[in-house]
Protein backbone atom coordinates (compact mmCIF):
# COMPACT_ATOMS: atom_id res chain seq x y z
CA UNK A 1 -15.29 2.67 35.10
CA UNK A 2 -18.71 1.25 35.44
CA UNK A 3 -20.64 1.14 38.51
CA UNK A 4 -22.21 -2.41 37.95
CA UNK A 5 -20.66 -5.35 36.10
CA UNK A 6 -22.92 -8.22 35.58
CA UNK A 7 -21.70 -11.54 34.07
CA UNK A 8 -23.60 -13.99 32.71
CA UNK A 9 -22.54 -17.60 32.59
CA UNK A 10 -24.19 -20.59 31.40
CA UNK A 11 -24.19 -23.30 28.55
CA UNK A 12 -24.42 -22.70 24.99
CA UNK A 13 -27.84 -21.29 24.19
CA UNK A 14 -28.81 -21.30 27.82
CA UNK A 15 -30.69 -17.98 27.79
CA UNK A 16 -27.76 -15.56 28.52
CA UNK A 17 -28.41 -13.50 25.11
CA UNK A 18 -31.90 -13.12 26.11
CA UNK A 19 -30.76 -11.70 29.87
CA UNK A 20 -28.45 -9.34 28.54
CA UNK A 21 -31.55 -8.07 26.38
CA UNK A 22 -33.75 -8.07 29.38
CA UNK A 23 -30.94 -6.25 31.34
CA UNK A 24 -30.41 -3.44 28.59
CA UNK A 25 -34.35 -3.03 28.49
CA UNK A 26 -34.05 -2.74 32.39
CA UNK A 27 -31.01 -0.47 32.39
CA UNK A 28 -31.19 2.06 29.46
CA UNK A 29 -27.68 2.72 28.34
CA UNK A 30 -26.18 -0.30 29.36
CA UNK A 31 -23.24 -1.95 27.50
CA UNK A 32 -22.53 -5.46 26.58
CA UNK A 33 -19.79 -7.40 25.71
CA UNK A 34 -19.10 -11.23 24.63
CA UNK A 35 -15.86 -13.52 24.86
CA UNK A 36 -16.82 -14.84 21.74
CA UNK A 37 -16.88 -11.22 19.99
CA UNK A 38 -12.80 -10.91 19.72
CA UNK A 39 -12.60 -14.27 18.55
CA UNK A 40 -14.81 -13.90 15.88
CA UNK A 41 -13.20 -10.61 15.03
CA UNK A 42 -9.84 -12.26 14.86
CA UNK A 43 -11.33 -14.83 12.74
CA UNK A 44 -12.16 -11.98 10.24
CA UNK A 45 -9.13 -10.07 10.27
CA UNK A 46 -7.31 -13.51 9.44
CA UNK A 47 -9.53 -13.94 6.49
CA UNK A 48 -8.84 -10.08 5.06
CA UNK A 49 -5.19 -9.65 6.08
CA UNK A 50 -3.81 -12.90 6.05
CA UNK A 51 -2.06 -13.32 2.74
CA UNK A 52 -2.57 -17.69 1.86
CA UNK A 53 -0.39 -17.73 -0.65
CA UNK A 54 2.49 -15.45 1.00
CA UNK A 55 5.85 -16.52 1.94
CA UNK A 56 5.57 -18.18 5.48
CA UNK A 57 7.22 -14.80 7.00
CA UNK A 58 4.75 -13.01 5.70
CA UNK A 59 1.99 -14.72 6.84
CA UNK A 60 3.95 -14.55 10.50
CA UNK A 61 4.09 -10.60 9.91
CA UNK A 62 0.02 -11.07 9.31
CA UNK A 63 -0.52 -13.00 12.00
CA UNK A 64 1.24 -10.70 14.21
CA UNK A 65 -0.67 -7.53 13.18
CA UNK A 66 -4.06 -9.62 13.53
CA UNK A 67 -3.13 -10.83 17.22
CA UNK A 68 -1.83 -7.61 18.40
CA UNK A 69 -5.18 -5.60 16.81
CA UNK A 70 -7.63 -8.11 18.60
CA UNK A 71 -5.58 -9.16 21.95
CA UNK A 72 -3.22 -6.12 22.30
CA UNK A 73 0.13 -4.82 21.38
CA UNK A 74 2.00 -7.20 24.38
CA UNK A 75 0.51 -10.63 23.02
CA UNK A 76 3.38 -11.83 21.28
CA UNK A 77 5.80 -11.01 24.34
CA UNK A 78 3.11 -12.93 26.78
CA UNK A 79 3.53 -15.88 24.14
CA UNK A 80 7.07 -15.62 24.55
CA UNK A 81 6.90 -16.46 28.33
CA UNK A 82 5.45 -19.89 27.15
CA UNK A 83 7.42 -21.01 24.48
CA UNK A 84 10.35 -19.17 22.39
CA UNK A 85 8.68 -18.87 18.93
CA UNK A 86 4.96 -18.39 19.48
CA UNK A 87 4.46 -16.92 16.21
CA UNK A 88 5.77 -19.98 14.44
CA UNK A 89 3.24 -22.09 16.95
CA UNK A 90 0.45 -20.22 15.83
CA UNK A 91 1.07 -20.60 12.46
CA UNK A 92 1.29 -24.27 12.48
CA UNK A 93 -1.85 -24.53 14.02
CA UNK A 94 -3.53 -22.59 11.25
CA UNK A 95 -2.20 -25.09 9.23
CA UNK A 96 -5.00 -27.13 10.18
CA UNK A 97 -7.65 -25.28 9.52
CA UNK A 98 -9.52 -24.38 5.89
CA UNK A 99 -9.42 -21.09 4.41
CA UNK A 100 -11.15 -19.15 4.54
CA UNK A 101 -12.03 -19.61 7.90
CA UNK A 102 -15.95 -20.15 8.27
CA UNK A 103 -17.66 -19.12 11.54
CA UNK A 104 -18.35 -22.72 12.53
CA UNK A 105 -18.85 -23.75 16.20
CA UNK A 106 -15.88 -26.01 15.90
CA UNK A 107 -13.30 -23.71 13.97
CA UNK A 108 -14.30 -20.91 17.00
CA UNK A 109 -13.63 -23.30 19.78
CA UNK A 110 -9.93 -24.68 18.13
CA UNK A 111 -8.86 -21.03 17.66
CA UNK A 112 -9.79 -20.28 20.95
CA UNK A 113 -7.87 -23.09 22.16
CA UNK A 114 -4.76 -22.63 19.83
CA UNK A 115 -4.50 -18.83 21.09
CA UNK A 116 -4.81 -19.94 24.96
CA UNK A 117 -2.17 -22.41 24.77
CA UNK A 118 0.36 -20.50 22.92
CA UNK A 119 -0.22 -16.66 24.30
CA UNK A 120 -1.42 -17.46 27.75
CA UNK A 121 -5.08 -18.78 29.38
CA UNK A 122 -5.59 -15.12 30.74
CA UNK A 123 -5.52 -13.42 26.72
CA UNK A 124 -9.56 -13.37 26.45
CA UNK A 125 -10.03 -11.83 29.72
CA UNK A 126 -7.01 -9.01 29.49
CA UNK A 127 -9.41 -8.13 26.42
CA UNK A 128 -12.37 -8.25 28.05
CA UNK A 129 -10.96 -6.60 31.59
CA UNK A 130 -9.63 -3.77 28.93
CA UNK A 131 -13.12 -3.34 27.31
CA UNK A 132 -15.09 -3.04 30.40
CA UNK A 133 -12.93 -0.48 32.41
CA UNK A 134 -12.93 1.75 28.61
CA UNK A 135 -16.69 1.98 28.90
CA UNK A 136 -18.45 4.87 30.06
CA UNK A 137 -21.81 3.15 30.47
CA UNK A 138 -22.76 2.61 34.35
CA UNK A 139 -24.05 -0.69 33.58
CA UNK A 140 -21.68 -3.16 31.95
CA UNK A 141 -22.58 -6.91 30.85
CA UNK A 142 -20.41 -9.65 30.17
CA UNK A 143 -21.87 -12.47 28.65
CA UNK A 144 -20.30 -15.91 27.85
CA UNK A 145 -17.74 -16.53 30.65
CA UNK A 146 -16.31 -19.97 30.09
CA UNK A 147 -13.65 -20.30 32.56
CA UNK A 148 -12.91 -20.11 36.16
CA UNK A 149 -9.65 -17.83 35.10
CA UNK A 150 -11.90 -15.59 33.17
CA UNK A 151 -14.03 -15.10 36.06
CA UNK A 152 -11.01 -14.70 39.08
CA UNK A 153 -9.85 -12.01 36.07
CA UNK A 154 -13.20 -9.89 36.49
CA UNK A 155 -13.63 -10.69 40.22
CA UNK A 156 -10.82 -8.22 40.85
CA UNK A 157 -13.13 -5.69 40.26
CA UNK A 158 -15.36 -5.36 42.95
CA UNK A 159 -18.71 -4.13 41.17
CA UNK A 160 -18.91 -7.37 39.65
CA UNK A 161 -21.64 -9.91 40.26
CA UNK A 162 -22.33 -13.11 38.36
CA UNK A 163 -25.19 -14.99 37.69
CA UNK A 164 -25.46 -18.56 35.82
CA UNK A 165 -28.10 -19.21 33.45
CA UNK A 166 -28.90 -23.15 34.07
CA UNK A 167 -31.27 -25.25 32.18
CA UNK A 168 -31.25 -28.82 30.64
CA UNK A 169 -28.76 -29.75 27.64
CA UNK A 170 -32.02 -30.56 25.59
CA UNK A 171 -33.55 -27.21 26.04
CA UNK A 172 -30.18 -25.64 24.72
CA UNK A 173 -30.23 -27.59 21.59
CA UNK A 174 -33.94 -26.53 21.11
CA UNK A 175 -32.92 -22.71 21.28
CA UNK A 176 -29.80 -23.38 19.24
CA UNK A 177 -30.51 -24.33 16.08
CA UNK A 178 -33.48 -22.05 14.99
CA UNK A 179 -30.83 -18.92 15.97
CA UNK A 180 -28.56 -20.17 13.54
CA UNK A 181 -25.42 -18.30 15.32
CA UNK A 182 -22.92 -20.06 13.34
CA UNK A 183 -22.66 -21.66 10.12
CA UNK A 184 -24.01 -25.74 10.11
CA UNK A 185 -26.24 -24.64 13.78
CA UNK A 186 -29.20 -25.61 12.19
CA UNK A 187 -28.58 -29.02 10.86
CA UNK A 188 -26.51 -30.20 13.47
CA UNK A 189 -27.89 -33.19 15.67
CA UNK A 190 -28.18 -33.63 19.09
CA UNK A 191 -25.63 -35.97 19.32
CA UNK A 192 -23.24 -33.16 17.70
CA UNK A 193 -24.51 -30.75 19.86
CA UNK A 194 -23.41 -32.77 23.38
CA UNK A 195 -20.13 -33.15 21.65
CA UNK A 196 -19.20 -29.76 20.99
CA UNK A 197 -20.28 -29.08 24.67
CA UNK A 198 -17.67 -31.45 25.55
CA UNK A 199 -14.62 -29.36 23.91
CA UNK A 200 -11.98 -28.32 25.50
CA UNK A 201 -13.14 -24.60 25.14
CA UNK A 202 -16.63 -25.58 26.56
CA UNK A 203 -15.65 -27.78 29.03
CA UNK A 204 -15.04 -25.46 32.34
CA UNK A 205 -18.66 -24.00 32.15
CA UNK A 206 -20.80 -26.38 33.75
CA UNK A 207 -18.85 -26.46 37.01
CA UNK A 208 -18.99 -22.75 37.66
CA UNK A 209 -22.28 -22.82 38.64
CA UNK A 210 -20.42 -23.51 42.05
CA UNK A 211 -18.57 -20.11 41.28
CA UNK A 212 -21.04 -18.05 40.51
CA UNK A 213 -23.08 -15.32 42.93
CA UNK A 214 -26.41 -16.46 42.07
CA UNK A 215 -28.28 -18.98 39.75
CA UNK A 216 -31.34 -18.29 37.87
CA UNK A 217 -33.19 -21.58 36.52
CA UNK A 218 -34.47 -21.24 33.07
CA UNK A 219 -36.40 -24.40 32.62
CA UNK A 220 -40.07 -22.49 32.12
CA UNK A 221 -41.27 -19.84 30.38
CA UNK A 222 -39.59 -17.14 28.64
CA UNK A 223 -42.20 -14.60 31.11
CA UNK A 224 -40.34 -16.23 34.10
CA UNK A 225 -37.03 -15.80 32.75
CA UNK A 226 -37.97 -11.96 32.49
CA UNK A 227 -39.34 -11.79 35.85
CA UNK A 228 -36.25 -13.54 37.71
CA UNK A 229 -33.53 -11.27 35.45
CA UNK A 230 -35.67 -8.21 36.26
CA UNK A 231 -35.62 -8.83 39.40
CA UNK A 232 -31.99 -9.46 40.05
CA UNK A 233 -31.01 -6.39 37.85
CA UNK A 234 -33.50 -4.40 40.29
CA UNK A 235 -31.68 -5.73 43.23
CA UNK A 236 -28.08 -5.20 42.03
CA UNK A 237 -28.59 -1.67 40.84
CA UNK A 238 -30.33 -0.53 44.21
CA UNK A 239 -27.28 -2.08 45.93
CA UNK A 240 -24.55 -0.47 43.76
CA UNK A 241 -26.26 2.80 43.32
CA UNK A 242 -27.09 3.06 39.61
């Protein structure tokens, strides 16, 4: 188990990935995990394994294979606690998507909401805790915490420390467009960017600034962010004996 787990929180394109890169430079051998990675993995597996022209039963069986692969063998059982037919519910939700699934922000947000509503709000946190606990790195970074429930699950580890990367919405938009993380990001207007930030999957992020252990203001230059993150990482590594 890692000696130190750093969680970076913040709106889309606020500087979390930059903070992760700085941390890895400061702590050689550190490993990072993003909350969005299993979601992208799930989307990719659906495209690869679910027969679009198959029978409804064949599709449900394929969805079960994907969900178990990404989120654990017990995911269907956890869904049964919420409703009698979780796979049927998931199949109906998926009919609203256009196939093959494209990595657009809206698709990922909708898929995130559907999985959590059908199989449990703690689905992503369970996967993240499992990945962190399995890591052999001394320092692990968790990037992209979006909900208080996810934070609480990770806080069960006594060596977990959170930093909220805070900046203006305008700067987030300015940084989001050129990085093209998802299809369509480079042509998204500021109005569309704001609307995306109000969707269910993103709605809790802003409130987590009050839950984080420390807040890093990213309103200056990149050099200022580098200094702030390095100072924090060095302090925590010394505190946790890394």
